[in-house]
């Protein structure tokens, strides 16, 4: 988990930066963190926008850290995480049939649509938008399977400390209604049996 000392928020226009060090210096309760600031490697989070956007992002990160939630700082993409999850977790716990099904969904749907997004930047809006486009190409039931797979993979990311929260929890899975099976009437059963017998 990253500590307050490791956060530097850099504005997208590079005209300046707002650092968490200011909070460390102002808060006497964080003197231990302040004492360890010097000599540490600093990490930057680039915020595209105005100075106020950088301030807002910095405050969000500080609140997240105060709650003890880890902040992902790497450049791991959604595609890379899905492949790591498939090989390191699913492969050891599911049947080959399930593994093949997951791999097919990833390669033909999830990775082409979301794979290039950095994992830490994946939002609920992006996922919901993907579902909206996908239902025009495949059935709602299939998209619901995509949701279940993605949700499980992101849940694993939370457990590994890559994400603070699973964005799929904020997304509604597509609803679908299965086909209702019709049972034969008694007279239809008789006709079926008579037909089957006559063909023997």
Protein backbone atom coordinates (compact mmCIF):
# COMPACT_ATOMS: atom_id res chain seq x y z
CA UNK A 1 0.00 0.00 0.00
CA UNK A 2 1.28 3.45 -0.88
CA UNK A 3 1.73 5.89 1.99
CA UNK A 4 1.02 9.61 1.94
CA UNK A 5 4.68 10.36 1.38
CA UNK A 6 4.64 8.59 -2.00
CA UNK A 7 1.94 10.68 -3.66
CA UNK A 8 2.63 13.60 -5.95
CA UNK A 9 -0.16 14.93 -8.11
CA UNK A 10 1.08 16.51 -11.32
CA UNK A 11 -1.21 18.62 -13.46
CA UNK A 12 -1.66 17.57 -17.05
CA UNK A 13 -0.36 20.92 -18.31
CA UNK A 14 2.87 20.44 -16.27
CA UNK A 15 2.76 24.04 -15.03
CA UNK A 16 3.05 22.91 -11.45
CA UNK A 17 2.30 20.13 -9.02
CA UNK A 18 0.52 19.71 -5.72
CA UNK A 19 2.15 17.35 -3.30
CA UNK A 20 0.98 15.34 -0.37
CA UNK A 21 4.04 16.64 1.43
CA UNK A 22 2.09 19.81 2.23
CA UNK A 23 -0.40 17.73 4.22
CA UNK A 24 2.44 15.95 5.98
CA UNK A 25 4.06 19.21 7.04
CA UNK A 26 0.78 20.73 8.20
CA UNK A 27 -0.45 17.76 10.24
CA UNK A 28 1.61 17.08 13.39
CA UNK A 29 0.02 13.64 13.67
CA UNK A 30 1.89 12.64 10.55
CA UNK A 31 5.36 13.62 11.78
CA UNK A 32 6.64 10.07 11.42
CA UNK A 33 5.66 10.01 7.78
CA UNK A 34 7.24 13.43 7.32
CA UNK A 35 10.51 12.23 8.85
CA UNK A 36 10.65 9.37 6.36
CA UNK A 37 9.88 11.59 3.37
CA UNK A 38 13.46 12.45 2.48
CA UNK A 39 15.33 9.87 0.46
CA UNK A 40 12.21 8.04 -0.73
CA UNK A 41 11.20 7.46 -4.32
CA UNK A 42 8.35 9.71 -5.35
CA UNK A 43 5.49 8.58 -7.56
CA UNK A 44 3.49 10.86 -9.86
CA UNK A 45 -0.16 10.70 -10.86
CA UNK A 46 -0.87 12.79 -13.94
CA UNK A 47 -4.23 14.57 -13.98
CA UNK A 48 -5.32 15.94 -17.34
CA UNK A 49 -7.16 19.19 -16.75
CA UNK A 50 -6.91 22.30 -14.66
CA UNK A 51 -5.24 22.97 -11.34
CA UNK A 52 -8.53 22.38 -9.54
CA UNK A 53 -8.76 18.90 -11.07
CA UNK A 54 -5.32 18.07 -9.67
CA UNK A 55 -6.36 19.36 -6.25
CA UNK A 56 -9.51 17.23 -6.34
CA UNK A 57 -7.62 14.09 -7.35
CA UNK A 58 -5.03 14.66 -4.64
CA UNK A 59 -7.75 14.95 -1.99
CA UNK A 60 -9.44 11.78 -3.24
CA UNK A 61 -6.17 9.86 -2.96
CA UNK A 62 -5.54 11.18 0.53
CA UNK A 63 -9.01 10.07 1.66
CA UNK A 64 -8.48 6.66 0.08
CA UNK A 65 -5.15 6.23 1.87
CA UNK A 66 -6.65 7.35 5.17
CA UNK A 67 -9.13 4.46 4.83
CA UNK A 68 -6.26 2.03 4.37
CA UNK A 69 -7.15 1.25 0.77
CA UNK A 70 -4.14 0.62 -1.50
CA UNK A 71 -3.66 2.87 -4.52
CA UNK A 72 -2.42 1.19 -7.70
CA UNK A 73 0.49 3.13 -9.21
CA UNK A 74 1.57 0.81 -12.02
CA UNK A 75 0.71 0.72 -15.72
CA UNK A 76 -0.98 -2.69 -15.67
CA UNK A 77 -3.63 -2.83 -18.38
CA UNK A 78 -6.97 -4.60 -18.23
CA UNK A 79 -5.77 -7.12 -20.82
CA UNK A 80 -2.64 -7.92 -18.83
CA UNK A 81 -4.62 -8.36 -15.63
CA UNK A 82 -7.20 -10.60 -17.31
CA UNK A 83 -4.44 -12.83 -18.69
CA UNK A 84 -2.66 -12.95 -15.33
CA UNK A 85 -5.93 -13.80 -13.58
CA UNK A 86 -6.71 -16.51 -16.12
CA UNK A 87 -3.30 -18.15 -15.92
CA UNK A 88 -2.61 -17.71 -12.22
CA UNK A 89 -6.04 -18.15 -10.66
CA UNK A 90 -8.73 -19.56 -12.97
CA UNK A 91 -6.43 -22.21 -14.45
CA UNK A 92 -5.83 -23.73 -11.01
CA UNK A 93 -9.47 -23.73 -9.91
CA UNK A 94 -11.73 -24.37 -12.90
CA UNK A 95 -12.25 -27.09 -15.49
CA UNK A 96 -10.66 -26.90 -18.93
CA UNK A 97 -14.09 -26.24 -20.42
CA UNK A 98 -14.60 -23.21 -18.17
CA UNK A 99 -11.08 -22.01 -18.89
CA UNK A 100 -11.66 -22.24 -22.66
CA UNK A 101 -14.95 -20.38 -22.34
CA UNK A 102 -13.38 -17.57 -20.33
CA UNK A 103 -10.46 -17.29 -22.74
CA UNK A 104 -12.83 -17.05 -25.70
CA UNK A 105 -14.87 -14.26 -24.07
CA UNK A 106 -11.71 -12.37 -23.24
CA UNK A 107 -10.08 -12.68 -26.66
CA UNK A 108 -13.17 -11.91 -28.74
CA UNK A 109 -14.96 -9.34 -26.59
CA UNK A 110 -13.43 -7.95 -23.39
CA UNK A 111 -9.83 -7.44 -24.51
CA UNK A 112 -10.67 -5.74 -27.84
CA UNK A 113 -13.06 -3.37 -26.06
CA UNK A 114 -11.32 -2.66 -22.73
CA UNK A 115 -7.92 -4.31 -22.90
CA UNK A 116 -5.86 -1.18 -23.62
CA UNK A 117 -7.25 0.71 -20.62
CA UNK A 118 -4.97 0.87 -17.61
CA UNK A 119 -6.51 -1.18 -14.83
CA UNK A 120 -6.44 1.69 -12.34
CA UNK A 121 -8.29 3.92 -14.85
CA UNK A 122 -11.13 1.48 -15.61
CA UNK A 123 -14.42 3.14 -14.62
CA UNK A 124 -17.98 1.96 -14.15
CA UNK A 125 -19.06 4.29 -16.99
CA UNK A 126 -16.64 2.65 -19.40
CA UNK A 127 -17.89 -0.81 -18.46
CA UNK A 128 -21.54 0.23 -18.75
CA UNK A 129 -20.86 1.79 -22.16
CA UNK A 130 -19.26 -1.46 -23.31
CA UNK A 131 -22.34 -3.42 -22.25
CA UNK A 132 -24.55 -1.01 -24.17
CA UNK A 133 -22.57 -1.58 -27.37
CA UNK A 134 -22.20 -5.33 -26.84
CA UNK A 135 -25.94 -6.02 -26.58
CA UNK A 136 -26.25 -4.85 -30.18
CA UNK A 137 -23.89 -7.61 -31.31
CA UNK A 138 -24.61 -10.51 -28.96
CA UNK A 139 -27.51 -11.54 -26.74
CA UNK A 140 -28.11 -9.92 -23.32
CA UNK A 141 -27.48 -13.32 -21.77
CA UNK A 142 -23.99 -13.43 -23.31
CA UNK A 143 -23.22 -9.90 -22.10
CA UNK A 144 -24.36 -10.94 -18.63
CA UNK A 145 -21.70 -13.67 -18.79
CA UNK A 146 -19.13 -11.02 -19.74
CA UNK A 147 -20.20 -9.04 -16.68
CA UNK A 148 -19.81 -12.04 -14.41
CA UNK A 149 -16.33 -12.82 -15.76
CA UNK A 150 -15.14 -9.21 -15.56
CA UNK A 151 -16.55 -8.80 -12.07
CA UNK A 152 -14.71 -11.90 -10.84
CA UNK A 153 -11.45 -10.74 -12.41
CA UNK A 154 -11.74 -7.26 -10.87
CA UNK A 155 -12.68 -8.74 -7.51
CA UNK A 156 -9.38 -10.61 -7.68
CA UNK A 157 -7.63 -7.32 -8.52
CA UNK A 158 -9.06 -5.78 -5.34
CA UNK A 159 -7.82 -8.72 -3.28
CA UNK A 160 -4.35 -8.34 -4.80
CA UNK A 161 -4.26 -4.62 -4.00
CA UNK A 162 -4.37 -3.47 -7.64
CA UNK A 163 -7.71 -1.70 -7.14
CA UNK A 164 -9.38 0.02 -4.22
CA UNK A 165 -12.85 -1.00 -5.38
CA UNK A 166 -14.42 -3.22 -8.01
CA UNK A 167 -16.05 -0.88 -10.59
CA UNK A 168 -18.38 -3.69 -11.65
CA UNK A 169 -20.18 -3.22 -8.34
CA UNK A 170 -21.46 0.09 -9.71
CA UNK A 171 -22.64 -1.40 -13.01
CA UNK A 172 -25.96 -3.06 -13.81
CA UNK A 173 -25.65 -6.37 -15.59
CA UNK A 174 -27.89 -6.71 -18.68
CA UNK A 175 -31.18 -8.40 -17.87
CA UNK A 176 -32.44 -11.29 -19.92
CA UNK A 177 -35.33 -13.73 -19.86
CA UNK A 178 -34.73 -17.38 -20.61
CA UNK A 179 -37.02 -19.33 -22.91
CA UNK A 180 -39.83 -21.02 -21.06
CA UNK A 181 -40.06 -24.74 -21.67
CA UNK A 182 -43.51 -25.96 -22.70
CA UNK A 183 -44.63 -29.34 -21.44
CA UNK A 184 -46.67 -31.71 -23.56
CA UNK A 185 -50.36 -32.09 -22.92
CA UNK A 186 -51.68 -35.60 -22.15
CA UNK A 187 -53.15 -36.03 -25.61
CA UNK A 188 -49.86 -34.90 -27.17
CA UNK A 189 -47.99 -37.49 -25.14
CA UNK A 190 -50.31 -40.19 -26.50
CA UNK A 191 -49.73 -39.05 -30.09
CA UNK A 192 -45.95 -38.97 -29.51
CA UNK A 193 -45.94 -42.50 -28.11
CA UNK A 194 -48.11 -43.80 -30.94
CA UNK A 195 -45.86 -42.20 -33.52
CA UNK A 196 -42.74 -43.60 -31.86
CA UNK A 197 -44.25 -47.07 -31.68
CA UNK A 198 -45.32 -47.06 -35.32
CA UNK A 199 -41.81 -46.26 -36.45
CA UNK A 200 -40.28 -49.26 -34.68
